[in-house]
C-alpha atoms as a PDB file:
ATOM      1  CA  MET A   1      54.444 -13.958  -9.274  1.00  0.00           C
ATOM      2  CA  SER A   2      50.866 -14.676 -10.121  1.00  0.00           C
ATOM      3  CA  ASP A   3      49.570 -15.240 -13.660  1.00  0.00           C
ATOM      4  CA  GLU A   4      46.285 -13.633 -12.644  1.00  0.00           C
ATOM      5  CA  LYS A   5      45.234 -10.625 -14.740  1.00  0.00           C
ATOM      6  CA  PRO A   6      45.173  -7.231 -13.043  1.00  0.00           C
ATOM      7  CA  LYS A   7      41.827  -6.321 -11.595  1.00  0.00           C
ATOM      8  CA  LEU A   8      41.998  -2.732 -12.772  1.00  0.00           C
ATOM      9  CA  MET A   9      42.826  -1.270 -16.188  1.00  0.00           C
ATOM     10  CA  ASN A  10      43.447   2.283 -17.370  1.00  0.00           C
ATOM     11  CA  MET A  11      41.725   2.756 -20.728  1.00  0.00           C
ATOM     12  CA  VAL A  12      42.781   5.499 -23.132  1.00  0.00           C
ATOM     13  CA  VAL A  13      40.663   6.536 -26.128  1.00  0.00           C
ATOM     14  CA  ILE A  14      41.735   9.147 -28.668  1.00  0.00           C
ATOM     15  CA  ALA A  15      39.127  10.324 -31.172  1.00  0.00           C
ATOM     16  CA  GLY A  16      37.797  13.381 -32.959  1.00  0.00           C
ATOM     17  CA  ARG A  17      35.915  15.886 -30.797  1.00  0.00           C
ATOM     18  CA  ASN A  18      32.815  15.457 -32.918  1.00  0.00           C
ATOM     19  CA  GLN A  19      32.419  11.953 -31.430  1.00  0.00           C
ATOM     20  CA  LYS A  20      32.790  13.008 -27.800  1.00  0.00           C
ATOM     21  CA  GLU A  21      29.190  12.792 -26.583  1.00  0.00           C
ATOM     22  CA  ALA A  22      28.419   9.530 -28.377  1.00  0.00           C
ATOM     23  CA  ILE A  23      31.595   7.815 -27.143  1.00  0.00           C
ATOM     24  CA  LEU A  24      31.121   9.032 -23.551  1.00  0.00           C
ATOM     25  CA  SER A  25      27.520   7.834 -23.535  1.00  0.00           C
ATOM     26  CA  ALA A  26      28.450   4.420 -24.931  1.00  0.00           C
ATOM     27  CA  MET A  27      31.345   4.014 -22.482  1.00  0.00           C
ATOM     28  CA  SER A  28      29.089   4.901 -19.545  1.00  0.00           C
ATOM     29  CA  GLU A  29      26.546   2.322 -20.651  1.00  0.00           C
ATOM     30  CA  LYS A  30      29.295  -0.334 -20.765  1.00  0.00           C
ATOM     31  CA  GLY A  31      30.483   0.299 -17.217  1.00  0.00           C
ATOM     32  CA  CYS A  32      32.963   3.202 -17.298  1.00  0.00           C
ATOM     33  CA  HIS A  33      32.073   5.424 -14.379  1.00  0.00           C
ATOM     34  CA  VAL A  34      35.186   7.506 -13.673  1.00  0.00           C
ATOM     35  CA  ILE A  35      35.887   9.191 -17.000  1.00  0.00           C
ATOM     36  CA  ASN A  36      38.266  12.078 -17.692  1.00  0.00           C
ATOM     37  CA  VAL A  37      38.182  14.064 -20.929  1.00  0.00           C
ATOM     38  CA  LEU A  38      41.072  16.175 -22.169  1.00  0.00           C
ATOM     39  CA  TYR A  39      40.927  18.352 -25.244  1.00  0.00           C
ATOM     40  CA  GLY A  40      43.924  18.382 -27.507  1.00  0.00           C
ATOM     41  CA  LYS A  41      45.292  20.038 -30.551  1.00  0.00           C
ATOM     42  CA  GLY A  42      47.807  18.053 -32.532  1.00  0.00           C
ATOM     43  CA  CYS A  43      51.321  19.435 -32.366  1.00  0.00           C
ATOM     44  CA  ALA A  44      53.248  16.752 -34.232  1.00  0.00           C
ATOM     45  CA  ASP A  45      54.157  17.173 -37.865  1.00  0.00           C
ATOM     46  CA  ALA A  46      51.215  15.816 -39.878  1.00  0.00           C
ATOM     47  CA  ASP A  47      53.510  13.728 -42.082  1.00  0.00           C
ATOM     48  CA  PHE A  48      55.068  12.103 -39.016  1.00  0.00           C
ATOM     49  CA  VAL A  49      51.630  11.291 -37.561  1.00  0.00           C
ATOM     50  CA  MET A  50      50.390   9.881 -40.842  1.00  0.00           C
ATOM     51  CA  ASP A  51      53.492   7.745 -41.307  1.00  0.00           C
ATOM     52  CA  ALA A  52      53.691   6.520 -37.720  1.00  0.00           C
ATOM     53  CA  LEU A  53      50.029   5.856 -37.000  1.00  0.00           C
ATOM     54  CA  GLY A  54      48.318   5.895 -40.370  1.00  0.00           C
ATOM     55  CA  LEU A  55      46.176   8.864 -39.319  1.00  0.00           C
ATOM     56  CA  VAL A  56      45.041  11.951 -41.180  1.00  0.00           C
ATOM     57  CA  HIS A  57      46.026  15.241 -39.531  1.00  0.00           C
ATOM     58  CA  GLU A  58      43.149  16.616 -37.470  1.00  0.00           C
ATOM     59  CA  GLU A  59      43.675  19.279 -34.842  1.00  0.00           C
ATOM     60  CA  ASN A  60      40.587  18.813 -32.670  1.00  0.00           C
ATOM     61  CA  LYS A  61      40.957  15.637 -30.652  1.00  0.00           C
ATOM     62  CA  ILE A  62      39.716  14.326 -27.361  1.00  0.00           C
ATOM     63  CA  LEU A  63      41.654  12.089 -25.048  1.00  0.00           C
ATOM     64  CA  ILE A  64      39.388  10.045 -22.810  1.00  0.00           C
ATOM     65  CA  THR A  65      40.778   8.099 -19.869  1.00  0.00           C
ATOM     66  CA  CYS A  66      38.958   5.896 -17.405  1.00  0.00           C
ATOM     67  CA  LEU A  67      39.572   3.163 -14.881  1.00  0.00           C
ATOM     68  CA  ILE A  68      37.728  -0.063 -15.589  1.00  0.00           C
ATOM     69  CA  LEU A  69      37.683  -3.625 -14.338  1.00  0.00           C
ATOM     70  CA  ASN A  70      39.656  -5.958 -16.560  1.00  0.00           C
ATOM     71  CA  ASN A  71      36.539  -7.945 -17.510  1.00  0.00           C
ATOM     72  CA  LYS A  72      35.027  -4.790 -19.084  1.00  0.00           C
ATOM     73  CA  ALA A  73      38.052  -3.947 -21.270  1.00  0.00           C
ATOM     74  CA  GLU A  74      37.306  -6.344 -24.120  1.00  0.00           C
ATOM     75  CA  VAL A  75      33.616  -5.400 -24.121  1.00  0.00           C
ATOM     76  CA  ILE A  76      34.429  -1.696 -24.453  1.00  0.00           C
ATOM     77  CA  LEU A  77      37.116  -2.213 -27.100  1.00  0.00           C
ATOM     78  CA  ASP A  78      34.697  -4.375 -29.119  1.00  0.00           C
ATOM     79  CA  MET A  79      32.043  -1.658 -28.789  1.00  0.00           C
ATOM     80  CA  LEU A  80      34.468   0.964 -30.130  1.00  0.00           C
ATOM     81  CA  VAL A  81      35.011  -1.234 -33.184  1.00  0.00           C
ATOM     82  CA  SER A  82      31.372  -2.134 -33.789  1.00  0.00           C
ATOM     83  CA  GLU A  83      29.749   1.236 -33.024  1.00  0.00           C
ATOM     84  CA  PHE A  84      32.509   3.718 -33.909  1.00  0.00           C
ATOM     85  CA  GLU A  85      34.507   1.743 -36.497  1.00  0.00           C
ATOM     86  CA  PHE A  86      37.829   2.089 -34.671  1.00  0.00           C
ATOM     87  CA  ASN A  87      39.103  -0.754 -36.859  1.00  0.00           C
ATOM     88  CA  LYS A  88      39.058   1.609 -39.867  1.00  0.00           C
ATOM     89  CA  PRO A  89      41.765   4.194 -40.598  1.00  0.00           C
ATOM     90  CA  ASN A  90      41.358   7.729 -39.239  1.00  0.00           C
ATOM     91  CA  THR A  91      38.621   6.948 -36.726  1.00  0.00           C
ATOM     92  CA  GLY A  92      40.327   6.595 -33.354  1.00  0.00           C
ATOM     93  CA  VAL A  93      42.833   4.812 -31.159  1.00  0.00           C
ATOM     94  CA  ALA A  94      42.071   2.908 -27.963  1.00  0.00           C
ATOM     95  CA  TYR A  95      44.248   0.868 -25.623  1.00  0.00           C
ATOM     96  CA  THR A  96      44.434  -0.353 -22.047  1.00  0.00           C
ATOM     97  CA  ILE A  97      47.230  -0.372 -19.490  1.00  0.00           C
ATOM     98  CA  PRO A  98      47.158  -2.640 -16.422  1.00  0.00           C
ATOM     99  CA  VAL A  99      47.074  -0.838 -13.085  1.00  0.00           C
ATOM    100  CA  GLU A 100      49.208  -2.802 -10.669  1.00  0.00           C
ATOM    101  CA  LYS A 101      48.818  -0.565  -7.632  1.00  0.00           C
ATOM    102  CA  LEU A 102      46.563   2.341  -6.769  1.00  0.00           C
ATOM    103  CA  LEU A 103      47.030   4.697  -3.844  1.00  0.00           C
ATOM    104  CA  TYR A 104      44.247   6.962  -2.659  1.00  0.00           C
END
């Protein structure tokens, strides 16, 4: 087993739809080129969501996914904090998942 970081990451960003264009533009500028956008409407009980994630119930969400190189992940996460205040409650959630293998 190698201690080397994966070369590819799957990034997931969940935010309000009103931020869609600004977030997509900023992510593109930072090196995200294969971006998927899904529109969602919350279906969980608002009290459960608030308790579990500290979020306020909002029905209109976007789920953005993209594949990025691991050296871009920290840059993009930092940008989401500095430009979109993801470090504050009720703004958004972002995380990465290592991609070990990719078939195409």
